[in-house]
Amino acid sequence: MKKTQNTHSIHWYNASWNTEQMKRAHIIEQRLYRVFGEKIGGNVYGIISCIKKEGIVAYVLLRLKKILFMEKKDRRNIK
């Protein structure tokens, strides 16, 4: 790269302030985006993150509770 009078600044960073766990999570998120696309990859990553945080049983029970106590008209929109 050649510095000229028109060169203003370029910011390169490696997120060194992040922990190793945060860096690994970001890599997994990026891979899911590449495989499934941004929307589905983001959803899959969100589900994985919630399961890791809450545990599989708590995750499933909370979602079932939400579905079971929804209004009937709202349940028709679940796919």
N, C-alpha and C. Protein backbone atom coordinates (compact mmCIF):
# COMPACT_ATOMS: atom_id res chain seq x y z
N MET A 1 0.85 -1.17 0.00
CA MET A 1 0.00 0.00 0.00
C MET A 1 0.90 1.23 0.00
N LYS A 2 0.52 2.17 -0.79
CA LYS A 2 1.31 3.39 -0.92
C LYS A 2 0.57 4.57 -0.28
N LYS A 3 1.25 5.29 0.58
CA LYS A 3 0.66 6.46 1.23
C LYS A 3 0.80 7.67 0.31
N THR A 4 -0.31 8.36 0.08
CA THR A 4 -0.31 9.56 -0.76
C THR A 4 -0.96 10.70 0.00
N GLN A 5 -1.04 11.86 -0.61
CA GLN A 5 -1.70 12.99 0.02
C GLN A 5 -3.20 12.73 0.19
N ASN A 6 -3.76 11.88 -0.63
CA ASN A 6 -5.18 11.55 -0.54
C ASN A 6 -5.49 10.46 0.47
N THR A 7 -4.46 9.84 1.03
CA THR A 7 -4.67 8.80 2.02
C THR A 7 -5.06 9.44 3.34
N HIS A 8 -6.20 9.01 3.88
CA HIS A 8 -6.66 9.58 5.15
C HIS A 8 -6.33 8.65 6.30
N SER A 9 -6.99 7.53 6.36
CA SER A 9 -6.65 6.55 7.39
C SER A 9 -7.32 5.22 7.05
N ILE A 10 -6.72 4.19 7.54
CA ILE A 10 -7.27 2.85 7.40
C ILE A 10 -7.20 2.23 8.77
N HIS A 11 -8.29 1.64 9.20
CA HIS A 11 -8.35 1.06 10.54
C HIS A 11 -8.38 -0.45 10.42
N TRP A 12 -7.35 -1.09 10.89
CA TRP A 12 -7.29 -2.55 10.94
C TRP A 12 -7.34 -2.95 12.41
N TYR A 13 -8.10 -3.96 12.72
CA TYR A 13 -8.14 -4.42 14.10
C TYR A 13 -8.41 -5.91 14.14
N ASN A 14 -8.02 -6.52 15.21
CA ASN A 14 -8.26 -7.96 15.37
C ASN A 14 -9.12 -8.25 16.59
N ALA A 15 -9.77 -7.24 17.11
CA ALA A 15 -10.66 -7.37 18.29
C ALA A 15 -9.91 -7.99 19.46
N SER A 16 -8.70 -7.52 19.69
CA SER A 16 -7.86 -8.08 20.76
C SER A 16 -8.47 -7.87 22.15
N TRP A 17 -9.43 -6.97 22.25
CA TRP A 17 -10.09 -6.73 23.54
C TRP A 17 -11.12 -7.82 23.87
N ASN A 18 -11.49 -8.63 22.87
CA ASN A 18 -12.46 -9.71 23.11
C ASN A 18 -11.77 -10.91 23.76
N THR A 19 -12.54 -11.64 24.54
CA THR A 19 -12.02 -12.87 25.14
C THR A 19 -11.97 -13.96 24.07
N GLU A 20 -11.26 -15.04 24.37
CA GLU A 20 -11.18 -16.16 23.42
C GLU A 20 -12.57 -16.74 23.16
N GLN A 21 -13.40 -16.79 24.19
CA GLN A 21 -14.76 -17.31 24.05
C GLN A 21 -15.57 -16.44 23.09
N MET A 22 -15.43 -15.13 23.20
CA MET A 22 -16.15 -14.22 22.31
C MET A 22 -15.65 -14.36 20.86
N LYS A 23 -14.35 -14.55 20.69
CA LYS A 23 -13.79 -14.72 19.35
C LYS A 23 -14.32 -16.01 18.70
N ARG A 24 -14.36 -17.10 19.50
CA ARG A 24 -14.89 -18.37 18.97
C ARG A 24 -16.36 -18.24 18.60
N ALA A 25 -17.12 -17.55 19.44
CA ALA A 25 -18.55 -17.35 19.16
C ALA A 25 -18.73 -16.57 17.86
N HIS A 26 -17.90 -15.56 17.64
CA HIS A 26 -17.99 -14.76 16.43
C HIS A 26 -17.65 -15.59 15.18
N ILE A 27 -16.66 -16.45 15.30
CA ILE A 27 -16.29 -17.33 14.17
C ILE A 27 -17.45 -18.27 13.84
N ILE A 28 -18.07 -18.85 14.86
CA ILE A 28 -19.22 -19.74 14.64
C ILE A 28 -20.36 -18.98 13.98
N GLU A 29 -20.63 -17.78 14.46
CA GLU A 29 -21.69 -16.95 13.89
C GLU A 29 -21.42 -16.66 12.41
N GLN A 30 -20.19 -16.31 12.08
CA GLN A 30 -19.84 -16.03 10.69
C GLN A 30 -20.02 -17.25 9.80
N ARG A 31 -19.64 -18.41 10.30
CA ARG A 31 -19.79 -19.65 9.52
C ARG A 31 -21.26 -19.98 9.27
N LEU A 32 -22.09 -19.79 10.30
CA LEU A 32 -23.52 -20.03 10.12
C LEU A 32 -24.11 -19.08 9.10
N TYR A 33 -23.68 -17.82 9.11
CA TYR A 33 -24.15 -16.84 8.11
C TYR A 33 -23.77 -17.29 6.71
N ARG A 34 -22.52 -17.77 6.54
CA ARG A 34 -22.07 -18.20 5.22
C ARG A 34 -22.85 -19.42 4.73
N VAL A 35 -23.15 -20.36 5.63
CA VAL A 35 -23.83 -21.59 5.23
C VAL A 35 -25.32 -21.35 4.99
N PHE A 36 -25.98 -20.64 5.90
CA PHE A 36 -27.44 -20.51 5.85
C PHE A 36 -27.94 -19.14 5.39
N GLY A 37 -27.06 -18.18 5.25
CA GLY A 37 -27.49 -16.82 4.94
C GLY A 37 -27.69 -16.05 6.24
N GLU A 38 -27.84 -14.75 6.12
CA GLU A 38 -27.86 -13.90 7.31
C GLU A 38 -29.08 -14.15 8.20
N LYS A 39 -30.25 -14.27 7.60
CA LYS A 39 -31.47 -14.41 8.40
C LYS A 39 -31.53 -15.76 9.12
N ILE A 40 -31.43 -16.85 8.38
CA ILE A 40 -31.52 -18.17 8.99
C ILE A 40 -30.29 -18.44 9.86
N GLY A 41 -29.12 -18.04 9.38
CA GLY A 41 -27.89 -18.21 10.17
C GLY A 41 -27.98 -17.48 11.50
N GLY A 42 -28.54 -16.27 11.47
CA GLY A 42 -28.73 -15.51 12.71
C GLY A 42 -29.69 -16.19 13.66
N ASN A 43 -30.76 -16.75 13.10
CA ASN A 43 -31.73 -17.48 13.93
C ASN A 43 -31.11 -18.73 14.55
N VAL A 44 -30.36 -19.48 13.74
CA VAL A 44 -29.71 -20.69 14.23
C VAL A 44 -28.72 -20.33 15.34
N TYR A 45 -27.95 -19.28 15.11
CA TYR A 45 -26.97 -18.85 16.11
C TYR A 45 -27.69 -18.41 17.40
N GLY A 46 -28.79 -17.71 17.26
CA GLY A 46 -29.57 -17.29 18.42
C GLY A 46 -30.09 -18.47 19.22
N ILE A 47 -30.58 -19.48 18.53
CA ILE A 47 -31.09 -20.69 19.19
C ILE A 47 -29.95 -21.39 19.93
N ILE A 48 -28.82 -21.55 19.25
CA ILE A 48 -27.66 -22.21 19.88
C ILE A 48 -27.22 -21.43 21.12
N SER A 49 -27.17 -20.12 21.01
CA SER A 49 -26.75 -19.28 22.14
C SER A 49 -27.71 -19.42 23.31
N CYS A 50 -29.00 -19.42 23.04
CA CYS A 50 -30.00 -19.56 24.11
C CYS A 50 -29.90 -20.92 24.78
N ILE A 51 -29.72 -21.97 23.99
CA ILE A 51 -29.61 -23.32 24.55
C ILE A 51 -28.37 -23.41 25.43
N LYS A 52 -27.25 -22.83 24.98
CA LYS A 52 -26.04 -22.86 25.80
C LYS A 52 -26.24 -22.10 27.10
N LYS A 53 -26.97 -21.01 27.03
CA LYS A 53 -27.18 -20.15 28.20
C LYS A 53 -28.20 -20.74 29.18
N GLU A 54 -29.34 -21.21 28.63
CA GLU A 54 -30.45 -21.67 29.46
C GLU A 54 -30.44 -23.17 29.72
N GLY A 55 -29.84 -23.92 28.84
CA GLY A 55 -29.93 -25.38 28.89
C GLY A 55 -31.07 -25.83 27.98
N ILE A 56 -30.96 -27.01 27.43
CA ILE A 56 -31.92 -27.49 26.44
C ILE A 56 -33.32 -27.64 27.04
N VAL A 57 -33.41 -28.16 28.26
CA VAL A 57 -34.73 -28.39 28.86
C VAL A 57 -35.44 -27.06 29.11
N ALA A 58 -34.75 -26.11 29.72
CA ALA A 58 -35.36 -24.81 30.00
C ALA A 58 -35.75 -24.11 28.70
N TYR A 59 -34.89 -24.22 27.68
CA TYR A 59 -35.17 -23.59 26.39
C TYR A 59 -36.47 -24.14 25.79
N VAL A 60 -36.58 -25.45 25.74
CA VAL A 60 -37.76 -26.09 25.14
C VAL A 60 -39.02 -25.78 25.96
N LEU A 61 -38.92 -25.88 27.28
CA LEU A 61 -40.09 -25.62 28.13
C LEU A 61 -40.59 -24.18 28.00
N LEU A 62 -39.67 -23.24 27.97
CA LEU A 62 -40.07 -21.84 27.83
C LEU A 62 -40.78 -21.60 26.50
N ARG A 63 -40.25 -22.17 25.42
CA ARG A 63 -40.88 -21.98 24.10
C ARG A 63 -42.23 -22.68 24.04
N LEU A 64 -42.34 -23.87 24.62
CA LEU A 64 -43.63 -24.57 24.64
C LEU A 64 -44.66 -23.78 25.43
N LYS A 65 -44.24 -23.24 26.56
CA LYS A 65 -45.13 -22.44 27.39
C LYS A 65 -45.65 -21.23 26.60
N LYS A 66 -44.77 -20.59 25.87
CA LYS A 66 -45.19 -19.43 25.07
C LYS A 66 -46.22 -19.84 24.01
N ILE A 67 -45.98 -20.97 23.36
CA ILE A 67 -46.89 -21.44 22.31
C ILE A 67 -48.23 -21.86 22.90
N LEU A 68 -48.19 -22.61 24.00
CA LEU A 68 -49.42 -23.13 24.59
C LEU A 68 -50.32 -22.03 25.14
N PHE A 69 -49.74 -20.96 25.61
CA PHE A 69 -50.54 -19.89 26.19
C PHE A 69 -50.81 -18.73 25.24
N MET A 70 -50.49 -18.93 23.97
CA MET A 70 -50.80 -17.92 22.96
C MET A 70 -52.29 -17.92 22.67
N GLU A 71 -52.73 -16.85 22.16
CA GLU A 71 -54.11 -16.80 21.68
C GLU A 71 -54.24 -17.76 20.52
N LYS A 72 -55.41 -18.37 20.35
CA LYS A 72 -55.62 -19.32 19.26
C LYS A 72 -55.33 -18.71 17.90
N LYS A 73 -55.76 -17.47 17.69
CA LYS A 73 -55.55 -16.83 16.39
C LYS A 73 -54.07 -16.65 16.08
N ASP A 74 -53.22 -16.43 17.11
CA ASP A 74 -51.79 -16.26 16.89
C ASP A 74 -51.10 -17.58 16.60
N ARG A 75 -51.63 -18.70 17.11
CA ARG A 75 -51.03 -20.01 16.88
C ARG A 75 -51.07 -20.41 15.42
N ARG A 76 -52.06 -19.92 14.69
CA ARG A 76 -52.18 -20.29 13.28
C ARG A 76 -50.99 -19.80 12.44
N ASN A 77 -50.29 -18.77 12.93
CA ASN A 77 -49.16 -18.21 12.18
C ASN A 77 -47.84 -18.93 12.45
N ILE A 78 -47.83 -19.89 13.36
CA ILE A 78 -46.60 -20.65 13.66
C ILE A 78 -46.38 -21.67 12.55
N LYS A 79 -45.19 -21.69 12.08
CA LYS A 79 -44.86 -22.66 11.01
C LYS A 79 -43.81 -23.62 11.47
